[in-house]
C-alpha cells in the first residue's frame, strides 16, 4: 500500500529484455535506504518488487523484473536511459498517511492533452480510458504516475488537475509534455462502491 506522496525521483539506468522478464534498473538515493530484496517500491505508481540492489560508481542501483502484463499496462514501456521516474516506498504500519490509498496497481494509461501555468500553479488536462474515467469524480483523488492529486474538473473524455509548485518540482511531472503517457490509478473506494451496488442481494 502507498499514499501517492512521492519521496524522490529516480533515474533510469537501463531497460533490457531477458528470457524471463524485462529488467528495469534505476538509480535512487533516499528510497534505496533500507530497501532489500523482496521489498516493494512504487515506480511511476506501479508496484514493483526489488530483485537486486547494488552499488556501482557510488550509485545505488535497484533492479526490478517486469512481467509483460505490467509492461503493456504502464508507461514504463516508454522510459529510456536517463528518464526520471517517481519513487515511493510502501507505507510502514506506523507511517504517516498524507495522500490517499494507492495500491500500485495501474488501471490504465492516460495522455497529457493540455498543460498550462496559472500563477505559480500548473494545470494539466489528461485524457483517460472510459473504464478509468468512470471512477474519476470532481474533488476526488487520482494517482497520476503515482502522485496523489485532486481532480479539479471532469470533462467528456479527460479530467483536469492543478499541481502546486512543490509537487511539480519534486516529481517527474516537471518533465512531462503534451502527448506524454502517464499511469493512472483511480481511487479504490469508487471501485468497491460499484462492486457492492452491482452485487446481487
C-alpha atoms as a PDB file:
ATOM      1  CA  UNK A   1       0.000   0.000   0.000  1.00  0.00           C
ATOM      2  CA  UNK A   2       1.188   3.508  -0.904  1.00  0.00           C
ATOM      3  CA  UNK A   3      -0.059   7.049  -0.336  1.00  0.00           C
ATOM      4  CA  UNK A   4       0.880   8.897  -3.522  1.00  0.00           C
ATOM      5  CA  UNK A   5       3.352  11.158  -1.711  1.00  0.00           C
ATOM      6  CA  UNK A   6       6.465  10.892  -3.848  1.00  0.00           C
ATOM      7  CA  UNK A   7       9.721  10.608  -1.913  1.00  0.00           C
ATOM      8  CA  UNK A   8      12.101  11.312  -4.773  1.00  0.00           C
ATOM      9  CA  UNK A   9      12.656  10.946  -8.499  1.00  0.00           C
ATOM     10  CA  UNK A  10      14.918   8.141  -9.629  1.00  0.00           C
ATOM     11  CA  UNK A  11      16.832   7.896 -12.886  1.00  0.00           C
ATOM     12  CA  UNK A  12      16.513   5.009 -15.315  1.00  0.00           C
ATOM     13  CA  UNK A  13      19.910   3.351 -15.796  1.00  0.00           C
ATOM     14  CA  UNK A  14      18.846   0.665 -18.239  1.00  0.00           C
ATOM     15  CA  UNK A  15      15.923  -1.302 -19.645  1.00  0.00           C
ATOM     16  CA  UNK A  16      16.622  -4.662 -21.207  1.00  0.00           C
ATOM     17  CA  UNK A  17      14.697  -7.767 -22.111  1.00  0.00           C
ATOM     18  CA  UNK A  18      15.609 -11.156 -20.711  1.00  0.00           C
ATOM     19  CA  UNK A  19      14.191 -14.653 -21.233  1.00  0.00           C
ATOM     20  CA  UNK A  20      12.032 -14.414 -18.111  1.00  0.00           C
ATOM     21  CA  UNK A  21      11.061 -10.738 -17.887  1.00  0.00           C
ATOM     22  CA  UNK A  22      12.035  -7.162 -18.664  1.00  0.00           C
ATOM     23  CA  UNK A  23      14.779  -5.912 -16.357  1.00  0.00           C
ATOM     24  CA  UNK A  24      14.471  -2.298 -15.226  1.00  0.00           C
ATOM     25  CA  UNK A  25      17.426  -0.758 -13.388  1.00  0.00           C
ATOM     26  CA  UNK A  26      17.069   2.551 -11.527  1.00  0.00           C
ATOM     27  CA  UNK A  27      19.466   4.815  -9.678  1.00  0.00           C
ATOM     28  CA  UNK A  28      17.974   6.061  -6.407  1.00  0.00           C
ATOM     29  CA  UNK A  29      19.118   7.703  -3.178  1.00  0.00           C
ATOM     30  CA  UNK A  30      16.538   8.173  -0.435  1.00  0.00           C
ATOM     31  CA  UNK A  31      14.272   5.273  -1.409  1.00  0.00           C
ATOM     32  CA  UNK A  32      17.251   2.883  -1.666  1.00  0.00           C
ATOM     33  CA  UNK A  33      17.941   3.235   2.052  1.00  0.00           C
ATOM     34  CA  UNK A  34      16.868   0.161   3.950  1.00  0.00           C
ATOM     35  CA  UNK A  35      15.353  -1.404   0.829  1.00  0.00           C
ATOM     36  CA  UNK A  36      16.090  -5.121   0.491  1.00  0.00           C
ATOM     37  CA  UNK A  37      15.282  -7.891  -1.948  1.00  0.00           C
ATOM     38  CA  UNK A  38      11.577  -8.678  -1.950  1.00  0.00           C
ATOM     39  CA  UNK A  39      10.536  -5.192  -0.846  1.00  0.00           C
ATOM     40  CA  UNK A  40       8.026  -3.152  -2.834  1.00  0.00           C
ATOM     41  CA  UNK A  41       8.657   0.181  -4.490  1.00  0.00           C
ATOM     42  CA  UNK A  42       6.155   2.219  -6.495  1.00  0.00           C
ATOM     43  CA  UNK A  43       7.778   3.337  -9.752  1.00  0.00           C
ATOM     44  CA  UNK A  44       5.572   5.873 -11.539  1.00  0.00           C
ATOM     45  CA  UNK A  45       2.784   4.431  -9.436  1.00  0.00           C
ATOM     46  CA  UNK A  46       3.425   0.822 -10.452  1.00  0.00           C
ATOM     47  CA  UNK A  47       4.200  -1.528  -7.562  1.00  0.00           C
ATOM     48  CA  UNK A  48       7.415  -3.417  -8.344  1.00  0.00           C
ATOM     49  CA  UNK A  49       9.428  -5.929  -6.324  1.00  0.00           C
ATOM     50  CA  UNK A  50      13.145  -5.397  -5.793  1.00  0.00           C
ATOM     51  CA  UNK A  51      15.163  -8.362  -7.057  1.00  0.00           C
ATOM     52  CA  UNK A  52      18.673  -6.946  -6.709  1.00  0.00           C
ATOM     53  CA  UNK A  53      20.424  -3.992  -5.116  1.00  0.00           C
ATOM     54  CA  UNK A  54      23.980  -2.956  -5.855  1.00  0.00           C
ATOM     55  CA  UNK A  55      26.392  -0.053  -5.529  1.00  0.00           C
ATOM     56  CA  UNK A  56      28.175   0.938  -8.709  1.00  0.00           C
ATOM     57  CA  UNK A  57      30.272   4.066  -9.249  1.00  0.00           C
ATOM     58  CA  UNK A  58      28.852   5.444  -5.985  1.00  0.00           C
ATOM     59  CA  UNK A  59      25.314   4.910  -7.277  1.00  0.00           C
ATOM     60  CA  UNK A  60      22.682   2.811  -5.543  1.00  0.00           C
ATOM     61  CA  UNK A  61      21.159   0.715  -8.313  1.00  0.00           C
ATOM     62  CA  UNK A  62      17.816  -1.032  -7.913  1.00  0.00           C
ATOM     63  CA  UNK A  63      16.856  -3.942 -10.190  1.00  0.00           C
ATOM     64  CA  UNK A  64      13.268  -4.929 -10.983  1.00  0.00           C
ATOM     65  CA  UNK A  65      11.756  -7.577 -13.250  1.00  0.00           C
ATOM     66  CA  UNK A  66       8.572  -6.592 -15.074  1.00  0.00           C
ATOM     67  CA  UNK A  67       6.167  -9.134 -16.493  1.00  0.00           C
ATOM     68  CA  UNK A  68       4.682  -8.420 -19.912  1.00  0.00           C
ATOM     69  CA  UNK A  69       1.318  -7.501 -18.333  1.00  0.00           C
ATOM     70  CA  UNK A  70       2.907  -4.725 -16.243  1.00  0.00           C
ATOM     71  CA  UNK A  71       4.971  -3.626 -19.220  1.00  0.00           C
ATOM     72  CA  UNK A  72       1.965  -3.238 -21.525  1.00  0.00           C
ATOM     73  CA  UNK A  73      -0.329  -1.649 -18.930  1.00  0.00           C
ATOM     74  CA  UNK A  74       2.065   1.084 -17.769  1.00  0.00           C
ATOM     75  CA  UNK A  75       4.135   3.884 -19.236  1.00  0.00           C
ATOM     76  CA  UNK A  76       7.311   2.116 -18.119  1.00  0.00           C
ATOM     77  CA  UNK A  77       7.335   0.697 -21.646  1.00  0.00           C
ATOM     78  CA  UNK A  78       8.287   4.198 -22.839  1.00  0.00           C
ATOM     79  CA  UNK A  79      11.120   5.012 -20.411  1.00  0.00           C
ATOM     80  CA  UNK A  80      14.706   5.155 -21.605  1.00  0.00           C
ATOM     81  CA  UNK A  81      18.115   5.588 -20.018  1.00  0.00           C
ATOM     82  CA  UNK A  82      18.081   8.958 -18.237  1.00  0.00           C
ATOM     83  CA  UNK A  83      14.290   9.132 -17.809  1.00  0.00           C
ATOM     84  CA  UNK A  84      13.035  10.424 -14.463  1.00  0.00           C
ATOM     85  CA  UNK A  85      10.554   8.252 -12.558  1.00  0.00           C
ATOM     86  CA  UNK A  86       8.570   8.883  -9.382  1.00  0.00           C
ATOM     87  CA  UNK A  87       9.519   6.671  -6.433  1.00  0.00           C
ATOM     88  CA  UNK A  88       7.689   5.848  -3.203  1.00  0.00           C
ATOM     89  CA  UNK A  89       8.382   3.112  -0.671  1.00  0.00           C
ATOM     90  CA  UNK A  90       5.442   1.147   0.696  1.00  0.00           C
ATOM     91  CA  UNK A  91       3.695   2.623   3.715  1.00  0.00           C
ATOM     92  CA  UNK A  92       5.001   1.442   7.067  1.00  0.00           C
ATOM     93  CA  UNK A  93       2.403   0.309   9.630  1.00  0.00           C
ATOM     94  CA  UNK A  94       3.304   3.271  11.839  1.00  0.00           C
ATOM     95  CA  UNK A  95       3.812   5.670   8.942  1.00  0.00           C
ATOM     96  CA  UNK A  96       2.078   8.983   8.426  1.00  0.00           C
ATOM     97  CA  UNK A  97      -0.701   8.912   5.849  1.00  0.00           C
ATOM     98  CA  UNK A  98      -0.523  12.036   3.719  1.00  0.00           C
ATOM     99  CA  UNK A  99      -2.210  11.296   0.379  1.00  0.00           C
ATOM    100  CA  UNK A 100      -4.846   8.655  -0.372  1.00  0.00           C
ATOM    101  CA  UNK A 101      -4.910   4.857  -0.611  1.00  0.00           C
ATOM    102  CA  UNK A 102      -2.827   3.885  -3.645  1.00  0.00           C
ATOM    103  CA  UNK A 103      -2.394   0.176  -4.371  1.00  0.00           C
ATOM    104  CA  UNK A 104       0.277   0.431  -7.035  1.00  0.00           C
ATOM    105  CA  UNK A 105      -1.943  -1.458  -9.495  1.00  0.00           C
ATOM    106  CA  UNK A 106      -2.193   0.798 -12.532  1.00  0.00           C
ATOM    107  CA  UNK A 107      -5.650   0.899 -14.147  1.00  0.00           C
ATOM    108  CA  UNK A 108      -4.566   2.309 -17.481  1.00  0.00           C
ATOM    109  CA  UNK A 109      -2.531   4.838 -19.408  1.00  0.00           C
ATOM    110  CA  UNK A 110      -3.692   8.404 -19.964  1.00  0.00           C
ATOM    111  CA  UNK A 111      -2.075  11.145 -22.017  1.00  0.00           C
ATOM    112  CA  UNK A 112      -1.443  14.789 -21.274  1.00  0.00           C
ATOM    113  CA  UNK A 113      -3.574  16.767 -23.720  1.00  0.00           C
ATOM    114  CA  UNK A 114      -3.092  20.239 -22.261  1.00  0.00           C
ATOM    115  CA  UNK A 115      -0.546  21.884 -19.998  1.00  0.00           C
ATOM    116  CA  UNK A 116      -0.519  25.483 -18.838  1.00  0.00           C
ATOM    117  CA  UNK A 117       0.613  27.631 -15.950  1.00  0.00           C
ATOM    118  CA  UNK A 118      -1.613  29.902 -13.899  1.00  0.00           C
ATOM    119  CA  UNK A 119       0.317  31.985 -11.418  1.00  0.00           C
ATOM    120  CA  UNK A 120       2.695  29.593  -9.675  1.00  0.00           C
ATOM    121  CA  UNK A 121       0.441  26.585 -10.228  1.00  0.00           C
ATOM    122  CA  UNK A 122       0.459  24.144 -13.136  1.00  0.00           C
ATOM    123  CA  UNK A 123      -2.704  22.880 -14.786  1.00  0.00           C
ATOM    124  CA  UNK A 124      -2.780  19.554 -16.601  1.00  0.00           C
ATOM    125  CA  UNK A 125      -5.594  18.047 -18.626  1.00  0.00           C
ATOM    126  CA  UNK A 126      -5.266  14.307 -19.074  1.00  0.00           C
ATOM    127  CA  UNK A 127      -7.227  12.002 -21.356  1.00  0.00           C
ATOM    128  CA  UNK A 128      -8.323   8.741 -19.761  1.00  0.00           C
ATOM    129  CA  UNK A 129      -9.746   5.421 -20.982  1.00  0.00           C
ATOM    130  CA  UNK A 130     -13.509   5.068 -20.411  1.00  0.00           C
ATOM    131  CA  UNK A 131     -13.053   2.270 -17.882  1.00  0.00           C
ATOM    132  CA  UNK A 132     -10.863   4.582 -15.777  1.00  0.00           C
ATOM    133  CA  UNK A 133     -12.775   7.830 -16.313  1.00  0.00           C
ATOM    134  CA  UNK A 134     -15.929   6.258 -14.844  1.00  0.00           C
ATOM    135  CA  UNK A 135     -14.279   6.313 -11.404  1.00  0.00           C
ATOM    136  CA  UNK A 136     -12.972   9.876 -11.627  1.00  0.00           C
ATOM    137  CA  UNK A 137     -15.116  12.442  -9.810  1.00  0.00           C
ATOM    138  CA  UNK A 138     -14.871  16.149  -9.055  1.00  0.00           C
ATOM    139  CA  UNK A 139     -12.773  16.716  -5.917  1.00  0.00           C
ATOM    140  CA  UNK A 140     -11.967  13.004  -5.827  1.00  0.00           C
ATOM    141  CA  UNK A 141      -8.484  11.513  -5.696  1.00  0.00           C
ATOM    142  CA  UNK A 142      -6.463  10.192  -8.624  1.00  0.00           C
ATOM    143  CA  UNK A 143      -2.919   8.858  -8.812  1.00  0.00           C
ATOM    144  CA  UNK A 144      -1.056  10.183 -11.850  1.00  0.00           C
ATOM    145  CA  UNK A 145       2.316   8.462 -12.265  1.00  0.00           C
ATOM    146  CA  UNK A 146       1.953   7.596  -8.601  1.00  0.00           C
ATOM    147  CA  UNK A 147       1.326  11.192  -7.487  1.00  0.00           C
ATOM    148  CA  UNK A 148      -1.769  11.688  -5.304  1.00  0.00           C
ATOM    149  CA  UNK A 149      -3.745  14.542  -6.832  1.00  0.00           C
ATOM    150  CA  UNK A 150      -7.223  16.057  -6.518  1.00  0.00           C
ATOM    151  CA  UNK A 151      -9.494  16.193  -9.558  1.00  0.00           C
ATOM    152  CA  UNK A 152     -10.405  19.799 -10.378  1.00  0.00           C
ATOM    153  CA  UNK A 153     -12.812  19.071 -13.232  1.00  0.00           C
ATOM    154  CA  UNK A 154     -14.165  16.090 -15.164  1.00  0.00           C
ATOM    155  CA  UNK A 155     -14.763  16.565 -18.887  1.00  0.00           C
ATOM    156  CA  UNK A 156     -16.141  14.271 -21.604  1.00  0.00           C
ATOM    157  CA  UNK A 157     -13.033  12.164 -22.168  1.00  0.00           C
ATOM    158  CA  UNK A 158     -10.489  13.751 -19.864  1.00  0.00           C
ATOM    159  CA  UNK A 159     -10.016  15.385 -16.489  1.00  0.00           C
ATOM    160  CA  UNK A 160      -8.186  18.399 -15.110  1.00  0.00           C
ATOM    161  CA  UNK A 161      -5.784  18.641 -12.189  1.00  0.00           C
ATOM    162  CA  UNK A 162      -3.936  21.510 -10.568  1.00  0.00           C
ATOM    163  CA  UNK A 163      -0.401  20.887  -9.390  1.00  0.00           C
ATOM    164  CA  UNK A 164       1.147  23.111  -6.717  1.00  0.00           C
ATOM    165  CA  UNK A 165       4.759  24.280  -7.225  1.00  0.00           C
ATOM    166  CA  UNK A 166       6.223  21.922  -4.591  1.00  0.00           C
ATOM    167  CA  UNK A 167       4.646  18.805  -6.108  1.00  0.00           C
ATOM    168  CA  UNK A 168       5.634  19.903  -9.596  1.00  0.00           C
ATOM    169  CA  UNK A 169       9.260  20.481  -8.580  1.00  0.00           C
ATOM    170  CA  UNK A 170       9.800  17.209  -6.675  1.00  0.00           C
ATOM    171  CA  UNK A 171       8.148  14.831  -9.160  1.00  0.00           C
ATOM    172  CA  UNK A 172       8.756  13.743 -12.735  1.00  0.00           C
ATOM    173  CA  UNK A 173       5.654  15.724 -13.785  1.00  0.00           C
ATOM    174  CA  UNK A 174       8.020  18.634 -14.375  1.00  0.00           C
ATOM    175  CA  UNK A 175       9.417  16.797 -17.412  1.00  0.00           C
ATOM    176  CA  UNK A 176       6.088  15.656 -18.869  1.00  0.00           C
ATOM    177  CA  UNK A 177       4.893  17.353 -22.045  1.00  0.00           C
ATOM    178  CA  UNK A 178       1.693  17.367 -24.073  1.00  0.00           C
ATOM    179  CA  UNK A 179       1.266  13.936 -25.641  1.00  0.00           C
ATOM    180  CA  UNK A 180       3.259  12.092 -22.981  1.00  0.00           C
ATOM    181  CA  UNK A 181       1.719   8.957 -21.433  1.00  0.00           C
ATOM    182  CA  UNK A 182       1.003   8.813 -17.688  1.00  0.00           C
ATOM    183  CA  UNK A 183      -0.032   5.951 -15.424  1.00  0.00           C
ATOM    184  CA  UNK A 184      -3.494   6.287 -13.893  1.00  0.00           C
ATOM    185  CA  UNK A 185      -4.898   4.598 -10.817  1.00  0.00           C
ATOM    186  CA  UNK A 186      -8.419   5.557  -9.806  1.00  0.00           C
ATOM    187  CA  UNK A 187      -9.440   5.775  -6.161  1.00  0.00           C
ATOM    188  CA  UNK A 188     -10.174   2.256  -4.948  1.00  0.00           C
ATOM    189  CA  UNK A 189     -13.188   3.437  -2.912  1.00  0.00           C
ATOM    190  CA  UNK A 190     -15.162   4.054  -6.105  1.00  0.00           C
ATOM    191  CA  UNK A 191     -14.392   0.544  -7.348  1.00  0.00           C
ATOM    192  CA  UNK A 192     -15.648  -1.038  -4.140  1.00  0.00           C
ATOM    193  CA  UNK A 193     -18.813   1.078  -4.131  1.00  0.00           C
ATOM    194  CA  UNK A 194     -19.586  -0.011  -7.695  1.00  0.00           C
ATOM    195  CA  UNK A 195     -18.952  -3.639  -6.777  1.00  0.00           C
ATOM    196  CA  UNK A 196     -21.275  -3.509  -3.775  1.00  0.00           C
ATOM    197  CA  UNK A 197     -24.035  -1.743  -5.723  1.00  0.00           C
ATOM    198  CA  UNK A 198     -23.904  -4.292  -8.552  1.00  0.00           C
ATOM    199  CA  UNK A 199     -23.625  -7.353  -6.301  1.00  0.00           C
ATOM    200  CA  UNK A 200     -26.846  -9.388  -6.016  1.00  0.00           C
ATOM    201  CA  UNK A 201     -28.535  -9.074  -2.640  1.00  0.00           C
END
